[in-house]
Amino acid sequence: RDIILKKLAREGISTIVPIPNHELLHNLLRLNKKDFPNSEKRSHTTLSIPIFPCLTDRQVEKISHGLRLLI
């Protein structure tokens, strides 16, 4: 994820980590993270690309191009 984040940033595409590990509910409640393997995995591997109704065609093309460079 971090490599992809950096590659997209070099193309001028902002990304975010939607739910950082420290913000997961089981961590806030101090529950055993071993009981939440899917949440743990997703918090370390998920990345959000720009997606919102006001994206212009040019922005969509830029994001698409950046994603194609990853293949």
PDB file of N, CA and C in Angstrom:
ATOM      1  N   ARG A   1       0.815  -1.187   0.000  1.00  0.00           N
ATOM      2  CA  ARG A   1       0.000   0.000   0.000  1.00  0.00           C
ATOM      3  C   ARG A   1       0.862   1.256   0.000  1.00  0.00           C
ATOM      4  N   ASP A   2       1.887   1.269   0.810  1.00  0.00           N
ATOM      5  CA  ASP A   2       2.718   2.468   0.908  1.00  0.00           C
ATOM      6  C   ASP A   2       3.468   2.745  -0.389  1.00  0.00           C
ATOM      7  N   ILE A   3       3.869   1.702  -1.081  1.00  0.00           N
ATOM      8  CA  ILE A   3       4.535   1.875  -2.374  1.00  0.00           C
ATOM      9  C   ILE A   3       3.560   2.465  -3.387  1.00  0.00           C
ATOM     10  N   ILE A   4       2.350   1.936  -3.407  1.00  0.00           N
ATOM     11  CA  ILE A   4       1.328   2.447  -4.321  1.00  0.00           C
ATOM     12  C   ILE A   4       0.996   3.896  -3.987  1.00  0.00           C
ATOM     13  N   LEU A   5       0.866   4.211  -2.706  1.00  0.00           N
ATOM     14  CA  LEU A   5       0.591   5.579  -2.267  1.00  0.00           C
ATOM     15  C   LEU A   5       1.657   6.527  -2.804  1.00  0.00           C
ATOM     16  N   LYS A   6       2.917   6.143  -2.700  1.00  0.00           N
ATOM     17  CA  LYS A   6       4.023   6.995  -3.161  1.00  0.00           C
ATOM     18  C   LYS A   6       4.030   7.127  -4.680  1.00  0.00           C
ATOM     19  N   LYS A   7       3.761   6.031  -5.389  1.00  0.00           N
ATOM     20  CA  LYS A   7       3.741   6.093  -6.849  1.00  0.00           C
ATOM     21  C   LYS A   7       2.628   7.003  -7.344  1.00  0.00           C
ATOM     22  N   LEU A   8       1.458   6.894  -6.736  1.00  0.00           N
ATOM     23  CA  LEU A   8       0.350   7.763  -7.140  1.00  0.00           C
ATOM     24  C   LEU A   8       0.641   9.221  -6.783  1.00  0.00           C
ATOM     25  N   ALA A   9       1.275   9.453  -5.646  1.00  0.00           N
ATOM     26  CA  ALA A   9       1.630  10.820  -5.249  1.00  0.00           C
ATOM     27  C   ALA A   9       2.586  11.441  -6.267  1.00  0.00           C
ATOM     28  N   ARG A  10       3.511  10.637  -6.796  1.00  0.00           N
ATOM     29  CA  ARG A  10       4.428  11.147  -7.819  1.00  0.00           C
ATOM     30  C   ARG A  10       3.681  11.563  -9.085  1.00  0.00           C
ATOM     31  N   GLU A  11       2.525  10.960  -9.318  1.00  0.00           N
ATOM     32  CA  GLU A  11       1.689  11.319 -10.472  1.00  0.00           C
ATOM     33  C   GLU A  11       0.717  12.450 -10.136  1.00  0.00           C
ATOM     34  N   GLY A  12       0.804  12.962  -8.903  1.00  0.00           N
ATOM     35  CA  GLY A  12      -0.061  14.054  -8.487  1.00  0.00           C
ATOM     36  C   GLY A  12      -1.448  13.609  -8.045  1.00  0.00           C
ATOM     37  N   ILE A  13      -1.549  12.331  -7.632  1.00  0.00           N
ATOM     38  CA  ILE A  13      -2.836  11.778  -7.209  1.00  0.00           C
ATOM     39  C   ILE A  13      -2.808  11.573  -5.699  1.00  0.00           C
ATOM     40  N   SER A  14      -3.662  12.291  -5.008  1.00  0.00           N
ATOM     41  CA  SER A  14      -3.738  12.175  -3.551  1.00  0.00           C
ATOM     42  C   SER A  14      -4.519  10.922  -3.172  1.00  0.00           C
ATOM     43  N   THR A  15      -4.041  10.233  -2.174  1.00  0.00           N
ATOM     44  CA  THR A  15      -4.740   9.079  -1.627  1.00  0.00           C
ATOM     45  C   THR A  15      -4.761   9.217  -0.114  1.00  0.00           C
ATOM     46  N   ILE A  16      -5.636   8.447   0.517  1.00  0.00           N
ATOM     47  CA  ILE A  16      -5.663   8.450   1.981  1.00  0.00           C
ATOM     48  C   ILE A  16      -5.788   7.020   2.488  1.00  0.00           C
ATOM     49  N   VAL A  17      -5.353   6.826   3.714  1.00  0.00           N
ATOM     50  CA  VAL A  17      -5.607   5.583   4.432  1.00  0.00           C
ATOM     51  C   VAL A  17      -6.928   5.813   5.145  1.00  0.00           C
ATOM     52  N   PRO A  18      -8.002   5.118   4.715  1.00  0.00           N
ATOM     53  CA  PRO A  18      -9.330   5.448   5.238  1.00  0.00           C
ATOM     54  C   PRO A  18      -9.517   5.216   6.732  1.00  0.00           C
ATOM     55  N   ILE A  19      -8.948   4.151   7.252  1.00  0.00           N
ATOM     56  CA  ILE A  19      -9.082   3.878   8.692  1.00  0.00           C
ATOM     57  C   ILE A  19      -7.712   3.446   9.223  1.00  0.00           C
ATOM     58  N   PRO A  20      -6.957   4.393   9.765  1.00  0.00           N
ATOM     59  CA  PRO A  20      -5.668   4.027  10.337  1.00  0.00           C
ATOM     60  C   PRO A  20      -5.844   3.006  11.472  1.00  0.00           C
ATOM     61  N   ASN A  21      -4.864   2.156  11.625  1.00  0.00           N
ATOM     62  CA  ASN A  21      -4.948   1.076  12.603  1.00  0.00           C
ATOM     63  C   ASN A  21      -5.300   1.579  13.999  1.00  0.00           C
ATOM     64  N   HIS A  22      -4.709   2.673  14.419  1.00  0.00           N
ATOM     65  CA  HIS A  22      -4.960   3.152  15.786  1.00  0.00           C
ATOM     66  C   HIS A  22      -6.404   3.622  15.986  1.00  0.00           C
ATOM     67  N   GLU A  23      -7.156   3.825  14.895  1.00  0.00           N
ATOM     68  CA  GLU A  23      -8.543   4.265  15.014  1.00  0.00           C
ATOM     69  C   GLU A  23      -9.548   3.120  14.962  1.00  0.00           C
ATOM     70  N   LEU A  24      -9.090   1.899  14.797  1.00  0.00           N
ATOM     71  CA  LEU A  24     -10.011   0.768  14.783  1.00  0.00           C
ATOM     72  C   LEU A  24     -10.675   0.643  16.149  1.00  0.00           C
ATOM     73  N   LEU A  25     -11.960   0.353  16.151  1.00  0.00           N
ATOM     74  CA  LEU A  25     -12.733   0.322  17.390  1.00  0.00           C
ATOM     75  C   LEU A  25     -12.137  -0.646  18.409  1.00  0.00           C
ATOM     76  N   HIS A  26     -11.731  -1.825  17.963  1.00  0.00           N
ATOM     77  CA  HIS A  26     -11.195  -2.782  18.937  1.00  0.00           C
ATOM     78  C   HIS A  26      -9.905  -2.274  19.577  1.00  0.00           C
ATOM     79  N   ASN A  27      -9.146  -1.460  18.863  1.00  0.00           N
ATOM     80  CA  ASN A  27      -7.947  -0.873  19.469  1.00  0.00           C
ATOM     81  C   ASN A  27      -8.316   0.219  20.466  1.00  0.00           C
ATOM     82  N   LEU A  28      -9.321   1.024  20.108  1.00  0.00           N
ATOM     83  CA  LEU A  28      -9.757   2.068  21.034  1.00  0.00           C
ATOM     84  C   LEU A  28     -10.328   1.482  22.317  1.00  0.00           C
ATOM     85  N   LEU A  29     -10.985   0.316  22.201  1.00  0.00           N
ATOM     86  CA  LEU A  29     -11.561  -0.350  23.371  1.00  0.00           C
ATOM     87  C   LEU A  29     -10.562  -1.272  24.067  1.00  0.00           C
ATOM     88  N   ARG A  30      -9.356  -1.323  23.518  1.00  0.00           N
ATOM     89  CA  ARG A  30      -8.270  -2.145  24.072  1.00  0.00           C
ATOM     90  C   ARG A  30      -8.626  -3.634  24.086  1.00  0.00           C
ATOM     91  N   LEU A  31      -9.273  -4.073  23.015  1.00  0.00           N
ATOM     92  CA  LEU A  31      -9.587  -5.492  22.863  1.00  0.00           C
ATOM     93  C   LEU A  31      -8.422  -6.170  22.142  1.00  0.00           C
ATOM     94  N   ASN A  32      -8.360  -7.466  22.232  1.00  0.00           N
ATOM     95  CA  ASN A  32      -7.268  -8.212  21.627  1.00  0.00           C
ATOM     96  C   ASN A  32      -7.356  -8.162  20.110  1.00  0.00           C
ATOM     97  N   LYS A  33      -6.316  -7.627  19.460  1.00  0.00           N
ATOM     98  CA  LYS A  33      -6.353  -7.493  18.013  1.00  0.00           C
ATOM     99  C   LYS A  33      -6.359  -8.837  17.293  1.00  0.00           C
ATOM    100  N   LYS A  34      -5.942  -9.885  17.959  1.00  0.00           N
ATOM    101  CA  LYS A  34      -5.972 -11.221  17.356  1.00  0.00           C
ATOM    102  C   LYS A  34      -7.407 -11.691  17.113  1.00  0.00           C
ATOM    103  N   ASP A  35      -8.361 -11.093  17.822  1.00  0.00           N
ATOM    104  CA  ASP A  35      -9.770 -11.439  17.631  1.00  0.00           C
ATOM    105  C   ASP A  35     -10.389 -10.707  16.433  1.00  0.00           C
ATOM    106  N   PHE A  36      -9.623  -9.824  15.797  1.00  0.00           N
ATOM    107  CA  PHE A  36     -10.127  -9.018  14.689  1.00  0.00           C
ATOM    108  C   PHE A  36      -9.140  -9.031  13.513  1.00  0.00           C
ATOM    109  N   PRO A  37      -8.825 -10.214  12.999  1.00  0.00           N
ATOM    110  CA  PRO A  37      -7.795 -10.303  11.957  1.00  0.00           C
ATOM    111  C   PRO A  37      -8.169  -9.576  10.661  1.00  0.00           C
ATOM    112  N   ASN A  38      -9.431  -9.595  10.283  1.00  0.00           N
ATOM    113  CA  ASN A  38      -9.822  -8.921   9.041  1.00  0.00           C
ATOM    114  C   ASN A  38      -9.673  -7.406   9.161  1.00  0.00           C
ATOM    115  N   SER A  39     -10.088  -6.864  10.275  1.00  0.00           N
ATOM    116  CA  SER A  39      -9.941  -5.423  10.493  1.00  0.00           C
ATOM    117  C   SER A  39      -8.467  -5.027  10.508  1.00  0.00           C
ATOM    118  N   GLU A  40      -7.673  -5.825  11.171  1.00  0.00           N
ATOM    119  CA  GLU A  40      -6.238  -5.547  11.236  1.00  0.00           C
ATOM    120  C   GLU A  40      -5.628  -5.550   9.837  1.00  0.00           C
ATOM    121  N   LYS A  41      -5.966  -6.572   9.055  1.00  0.00           N
ATOM    122  CA  LYS A  41      -5.398  -6.671   7.714  1.00  0.00           C
ATOM    123  C   LYS A  41      -5.837  -5.498   6.850  1.00  0.00           C
ATOM    124  N   ARG A  42      -7.120  -5.176   6.871  1.00  0.00           N
ATOM    125  CA  ARG A  42      -7.620  -4.085   6.037  1.00  0.00           C
ATOM    126  C   ARG A  42      -7.023  -2.741   6.430  1.00  0.00           C
ATOM    127  N   SER A  43      -6.767  -2.531   7.696  1.00  0.00           N
ATOM    128  CA  SER A  43      -6.212  -1.244   8.128  1.00  0.00           C
ATOM    129  C   SER A  43      -4.776  -1.054   7.641  1.00  0.00           C
ATOM    130  N   HIS A  44      -4.110  -2.145   7.279  1.00  0.00           N
ATOM    131  CA  HIS A  44      -2.727  -2.073   6.793  1.00  0.00           C
ATOM    132  C   HIS A  44      -2.631  -2.162   5.276  1.00  0.00           C
ATOM    133  N   THR A  45      -3.743  -2.488   4.611  1.00  0.00           N
ATOM    134  CA  THR A  45      -3.664  -2.719   3.169  1.00  0.00           C
ATOM    135  C   THR A  45      -4.604  -1.853   2.334  1.00  0.00           C
ATOM    136  N   THR A  46      -5.551  -1.170   2.946  1.00  0.00           N
ATOM    137  CA  THR A  46      -6.549  -0.411   2.194  1.00  0.00           C
ATOM    138  C   THR A  46      -6.073   1.008   1.915  1.00  0.00           C
ATOM    139  N   LEU A  47      -6.398   1.464   0.721  1.00  0.00           N
ATOM    140  CA  LEU A  47      -6.035   2.804   0.288  1.00  0.00           C
ATOM    141  C   LEU A  47      -7.229   3.374  -0.474  1.00  0.00           C
ATOM    142  N   SER A  48      -7.558   4.617  -0.231  1.00  0.00           N
ATOM    143  CA  SER A  48      -8.665   5.253  -0.946  1.00  0.00           C
ATOM    144  C   SER A  48      -8.128   6.231  -1.976  1.00  0.00           C
ATOM    145  N   ILE A  49      -8.643   6.098  -3.192  1.00  0.00           N
ATOM    146  CA  ILE A  49      -8.300   7.047  -4.245  1.00  0.00           C
ATOM    147  C   ILE A  49      -9.383   8.116  -4.289  1.00  0.00           C
ATOM    148  N   PRO A  50      -9.108   9.232  -4.949  1.00  0.00           N
ATOM    149  CA  PRO A  50     -10.137  10.275  -5.041  1.00  0.00           C
ATOM    150  C   PRO A  50     -11.388   9.755  -5.755  1.00  0.00           C
ATOM    151  N   ILE A  51     -12.513   9.926  -5.122  1.00  0.00           N
ATOM    152  CA  ILE A  51     -13.788   9.554  -5.727  1.00  0.00           C
ATOM    153  C   ILE A  51     -14.868  10.425  -5.093  1.00  0.00           C
ATOM    154  N   PHE A  52     -15.410  11.313  -5.895  1.00  0.00           N
ATOM    155  CA  PHE A  52     -16.479  12.186  -5.428  1.00  0.00           C
ATOM    156  C   PHE A  52     -17.203  12.747  -6.651  1.00  0.00           C
ATOM    157  N   PRO A  53     -18.433  13.187  -6.490  1.00  0.00           N
ATOM    158  CA  PRO A  53     -19.253  13.590  -7.632  1.00  0.00           C
ATOM    159  C   PRO A  53     -18.684  14.728  -8.471  1.00  0.00           C
ATOM    160  N   CYS A  54     -17.867  15.584  -7.893  1.00  0.00           N
ATOM    161  CA  CYS A  54     -17.376  16.761  -8.615  1.00  0.00           C
ATOM    162  C   CYS A  54     -16.084  16.510  -9.398  1.00  0.00           C
ATOM    163  N   LEU A  55     -15.619  15.270  -9.459  1.00  0.00           N
ATOM    164  CA  LEU A  55     -14.416  14.989 -10.246  1.00  0.00           C
ATOM    165  C   LEU A  55     -14.673  15.354 -11.701  1.00  0.00           C
ATOM    166  N   THR A  56     -13.741  16.054 -12.286  1.00  0.00           N
ATOM    167  CA  THR A  56     -13.871  16.392 -13.703  1.00  0.00           C
ATOM    168  C   THR A  56     -13.411  15.204 -14.545  1.00  0.00           C
ATOM    169  N   ASP A  57     -13.766  15.231 -15.815  1.00  0.00           N
ATOM    170  CA  ASP A  57     -13.302  14.173 -16.721  1.00  0.00           C
ATOM    171  C   ASP A  57     -11.784  14.128 -16.752  1.00  0.00           C
ATOM    172  N   ARG A  58     -11.167  15.284 -16.714  1.00  0.00           N
ATOM    173  CA  ARG A  58      -9.694  15.350 -16.718  1.00  0.00           C
ATOM    174  C   ARG A  58      -9.111  14.686 -15.462  1.00  0.00           C
ATOM    175  N   GLN A  59      -9.712  14.940 -14.315  1.00  0.00           N
ATOM    176  CA  GLN A  59      -9.239  14.318 -13.073  1.00  0.00           C
ATOM    177  C   GLN A  59      -9.429  12.809 -13.109  1.00  0.00           C
ATOM    178  N   VAL A  60     -10.560  12.360 -13.626  1.00  0.00           N
ATOM    179  CA  VAL A  60     -10.816  10.922 -13.733  1.00  0.00           C
ATOM    180  C   VAL A  60      -9.762  10.278 -14.639  1.00  0.00           C
ATOM    181  N   GLU A  61      -9.457  10.932 -15.744  1.00  0.00           N
ATOM    182  CA  GLU A  61      -8.446  10.396 -16.663  1.00  0.00           C
ATOM    183  C   GLU A  61      -7.074  10.349 -15.989  1.00  0.00           C
ATOM    184  N   LYS A  62      -6.741  11.380 -15.234  1.00  0.00           N
ATOM    185  CA  LYS A  62      -5.459  11.420 -14.526  1.00  0.00           C
ATOM    186  C   LYS A  62      -5.366  10.275 -13.515  1.00  0.00           C
ATOM    187  N   ILE A  63      -6.433  10.053 -12.770  1.00  0.00           N
ATOM    188  CA  ILE A  63      -6.457   8.969 -11.786  1.00  0.00           C
ATOM    189  C   ILE A  63      -6.374   7.619 -12.499  1.00  0.00           C
ATOM    190  N   SER A  64      -7.134   7.470 -13.570  1.00  0.00           N
ATOM    191  CA  SER A  64      -7.107   6.219 -14.341  1.00  0.00           C
ATOM    192  C   SER A  64      -5.723   5.945 -14.896  1.00  0.00           C
ATOM    193  N   HIS A  65      -5.099   6.987 -15.424  1.00  0.00           N
ATOM    194  CA  HIS A  65      -3.746   6.837 -15.958  1.00  0.00           C
ATOM    195  C   HIS A  65      -2.770   6.407 -14.851  1.00  0.00           C
ATOM    196  N   GLY A  66      -2.863   7.051 -13.708  1.00  0.00           N
ATOM    197  CA  GLY A  66      -1.991   6.698 -12.580  1.00  0.00           C
ATOM    198  C   GLY A  66      -2.181   5.247 -12.147  1.00  0.00           C
ATOM    199  N   LEU A  67      -3.420   4.791 -12.130  1.00  0.00           N
ATOM    200  CA  LEU A  67      -3.695   3.396 -11.752  1.00  0.00           C
ATOM    201  C   LEU A  67      -3.167   2.422 -12.806  1.00  0.00           C
ATOM    202  N   ARG A  68      -3.293   2.795 -14.079  1.00  0.00           N
ATOM    203  CA  ARG A  68      -2.781   1.923 -15.145  1.00  0.00           C
ATOM    204  C   ARG A  68      -1.266   1.781 -15.062  1.00  0.00           C
ATOM    205  N   LEU A  69      -0.581   2.802 -14.585  1.00  0.00           N
ATOM    206  CA  LEU A  69       0.875   2.730 -14.443  1.00  0.00           C
ATOM    207  C   LEU A  69       1.300   1.686 -13.404  1.00  0.00           C
ATOM    208  N   LEU A  70       0.383   1.335 -12.520  1.00  0.00           N
ATOM    209  CA  LEU A  70       0.704   0.365 -11.466  1.00  0.00           C
ATOM    210  C   LEU A  70       0.681  -1.077 -11.966  1.00  0.00           C
ATOM    211  N   ILE A  71       0.046  -1.293 -13.112  1.00  0.00           N
ATOM    212  CA  ILE A  71      -0.107  -2.660 -13.624  1.00  0.00           C
ATOM    213  C   ILE A  71       1.175  -3.125 -14.296  1.00  0.00           C
TER     214      ILE A  71
END
